């Protein structure tokens, strides 16, 4: 199997800067196009603080203010995006 990303129920902040959007795009493209594990995708996109929150929920920092929060299902190799932008 290859890693994939599900953004169907994601909430996106209208306050993302172009820099935030660039990092987010690099992260999601690394998963979608290169089928990378989300931790590796975060590193490749130069997103800071790949961090486990609770259960299978993780977050990356896009900038000082903006985060992306998502669920990681290791067995199905799926990243389900919950929120992009804001601070969780």
C-alpha atoms as a PDB file:
ATOM      1  CA  UNK A   1       0.000   0.000   0.000  1.00  0.00           C
ATOM      2  CA  UNK A   2       0.942   3.611  -0.445  1.00  0.00           C
ATOM      3  CA  UNK A   3       0.197   6.523   1.852  1.00  0.00           C
ATOM      4  CA  UNK A   4      -2.702   8.738   0.835  1.00  0.00           C
ATOM      5  CA  UNK A   5      -4.408  11.842   2.153  1.00  0.00           C
ATOM      6  CA  UNK A   6      -8.112  12.507   2.755  1.00  0.00           C
ATOM      7  CA  UNK A   7      -9.111  16.190   2.902  1.00  0.00           C
ATOM      8  CA  UNK A   8     -12.829  15.646   2.301  1.00  0.00           C
ATOM      9  CA  UNK A   9     -13.895  16.919   5.747  1.00  0.00           C
ATOM     10  CA  UNK A  10     -11.036  19.337   6.403  1.00  0.00           C
ATOM     11  CA  UNK A  11     -11.570  22.878   7.624  1.00  0.00           C
ATOM     12  CA  UNK A  12      -9.238  25.444   6.047  1.00  0.00           C
ATOM     13  CA  UNK A  13      -8.478  28.816   7.626  1.00  0.00           C
ATOM     14  CA  UNK A  14      -8.909  31.831   5.338  1.00  0.00           C
ATOM     15  CA  UNK A  15      -5.977  33.405   7.204  1.00  0.00           C
ATOM     16  CA  UNK A  16      -3.262  31.167   5.715  1.00  0.00           C
ATOM     17  CA  UNK A  17      -0.409  33.211   4.311  1.00  0.00           C
ATOM     18  CA  UNK A  18       1.270  32.294   1.039  1.00  0.00           C
ATOM     19  CA  UNK A  19       4.168  30.863   3.067  1.00  0.00           C
ATOM     20  CA  UNK A  20       1.764  28.718   5.131  1.00  0.00           C
ATOM     21  CA  UNK A  21       0.050  27.550   1.941  1.00  0.00           C
ATOM     22  CA  UNK A  22       3.400  26.670   0.331  1.00  0.00           C
ATOM     23  CA  UNK A  23       4.370  24.490   3.306  1.00  0.00           C
ATOM     24  CA  UNK A  24       0.949  22.856   3.383  1.00  0.00           C
ATOM     25  CA  UNK A  25       1.103  22.140  -0.348  1.00  0.00           C
ATOM     26  CA  UNK A  26       4.572  20.594  -0.021  1.00  0.00           C
ATOM     27  CA  UNK A  27       3.364  18.412   2.880  1.00  0.00           C
ATOM     28  CA  UNK A  28       0.207  17.169   1.180  1.00  0.00           C
ATOM     29  CA  UNK A  29       1.956  16.639  -2.164  1.00  0.00           C
ATOM     30  CA  UNK A  30       4.656  14.535  -0.504  1.00  0.00           C
ATOM     31  CA  UNK A  31       1.930  12.255   0.816  1.00  0.00           C
ATOM     32  CA  UNK A  32      -0.319  12.281  -2.255  1.00  0.00           C
ATOM     33  CA  UNK A  33       2.301  12.167  -5.026  1.00  0.00           C
ATOM     34  CA  UNK A  34       5.262  10.480  -3.334  1.00  0.00           C
ATOM     35  CA  UNK A  35       3.229   8.314  -0.924  1.00  0.00           C
ATOM     36  CA  UNK A  36       5.418   9.374   2.004  1.00  0.00           C
ATOM     37  CA  UNK A  37       4.672   8.699   5.661  1.00  0.00           C
ATOM     38  CA  UNK A  38       3.348  11.961   7.186  1.00  0.00           C
ATOM     39  CA  UNK A  39       6.373  12.341   9.448  1.00  0.00           C
ATOM     40  CA  UNK A  40       8.693  12.091   6.437  1.00  0.00           C
ATOM     41  CA  UNK A  41       6.407  14.406   4.450  1.00  0.00           C
ATOM     42  CA  UNK A  42       6.587  17.002   7.231  1.00  0.00           C
ATOM     43  CA  UNK A  43      10.370  16.821   7.216  1.00  0.00           C
ATOM     44  CA  UNK A  44      10.516  17.082   3.404  1.00  0.00           C
ATOM     45  CA  UNK A  45       8.196  20.113   3.504  1.00  0.00           C
ATOM     46  CA  UNK A  46      10.283  21.707   6.262  1.00  0.00           C
ATOM     47  CA  UNK A  47       7.310  21.851   8.607  1.00  0.00           C
ATOM     48  CA  UNK A  48       8.297  22.177  12.230  1.00  0.00           C
ATOM     49  CA  UNK A  49       7.181  20.139  15.197  1.00  0.00           C
ATOM     50  CA  UNK A  50       5.572  16.977  13.865  1.00  0.00           C
ATOM     51  CA  UNK A  51       3.853  16.268  17.149  1.00  0.00           C
ATOM     52  CA  UNK A  52       1.517  13.610  18.500  1.00  0.00           C
ATOM     53  CA  UNK A  53      -1.446  15.121  20.327  1.00  0.00           C
ATOM     54  CA  UNK A  54      -3.795  12.389  21.569  1.00  0.00           C
ATOM     55  CA  UNK A  55      -4.551   8.941  20.197  1.00  0.00           C
ATOM     56  CA  UNK A  56      -3.824   8.959  16.496  1.00  0.00           C
ATOM     57  CA  UNK A  57      -4.067  12.762  16.143  1.00  0.00           C
ATOM     58  CA  UNK A  58      -0.984  14.703  15.064  1.00  0.00           C
ATOM     59  CA  UNK A  59      -0.088  18.248  14.131  1.00  0.00           C
ATOM     60  CA  UNK A  60       2.575  20.115  12.222  1.00  0.00           C
ATOM     61  CA  UNK A  61       3.476  23.768  12.512  1.00  0.00           C
ATOM     62  CA  UNK A  62       3.207  25.714   9.278  1.00  0.00           C
ATOM     63  CA  UNK A  63       4.284  28.988  10.934  1.00  0.00           C
ATOM     64  CA  UNK A  64       4.297  30.665  14.322  1.00  0.00           C
ATOM     65  CA  UNK A  65       0.486  30.976  14.247  1.00  0.00           C
ATOM     66  CA  UNK A  66      -0.703  28.272  11.888  1.00  0.00           C
ATOM     67  CA  UNK A  67      -0.952  24.514  12.416  1.00  0.00           C
ATOM     68  CA  UNK A  68      -2.323  21.572  10.474  1.00  0.00           C
ATOM     69  CA  UNK A  69      -4.055  18.840  12.467  1.00  0.00           C
ATOM     70  CA  UNK A  70      -4.709  15.366  11.123  1.00  0.00           C
ATOM     71  CA  UNK A  71      -5.347  11.742  12.035  1.00  0.00           C
ATOM     72  CA  UNK A  72      -2.862   9.030  11.056  1.00  0.00           C
ATOM     73  CA  UNK A  73      -4.044   5.491  10.384  1.00  0.00           C
ATOM     74  CA  UNK A  74      -0.837   3.447  10.168  1.00  0.00           C
ATOM     75  CA  UNK A  75      -2.595   0.199   9.196  1.00  0.00           C
ATOM     76  CA  UNK A  76      -4.466   1.739   6.248  1.00  0.00           C
ATOM     77  CA  UNK A  77      -1.741   4.304   5.470  1.00  0.00           C
ATOM     78  CA  UNK A  78      -4.227   7.165   5.420  1.00  0.00           C
ATOM     79  CA  UNK A  79      -3.823  10.724   6.673  1.00  0.00           C
ATOM     80  CA  UNK A  80      -7.214  12.321   7.405  1.00  0.00           C
ATOM     81  CA  UNK A  81      -6.946  16.094   7.597  1.00  0.00           C
ATOM     82  CA  UNK A  82      -9.050  17.777  10.258  1.00  0.00           C
ATOM     83  CA  UNK A  83      -7.910  21.407  10.150  1.00  0.00           C
ATOM     84  CA  UNK A  84      -5.397  23.522   8.265  1.00  0.00           C
ATOM     85  CA  UNK A  85      -4.699  26.865   9.878  1.00  0.00           C
ATOM     86  CA  UNK A  86      -5.396  28.198  13.298  1.00  0.00           C
ATOM     87  CA  UNK A  87      -3.691  27.061  16.454  1.00  0.00           C
ATOM     88  CA  UNK A  88      -4.796  23.839  18.136  1.00  0.00           C
END
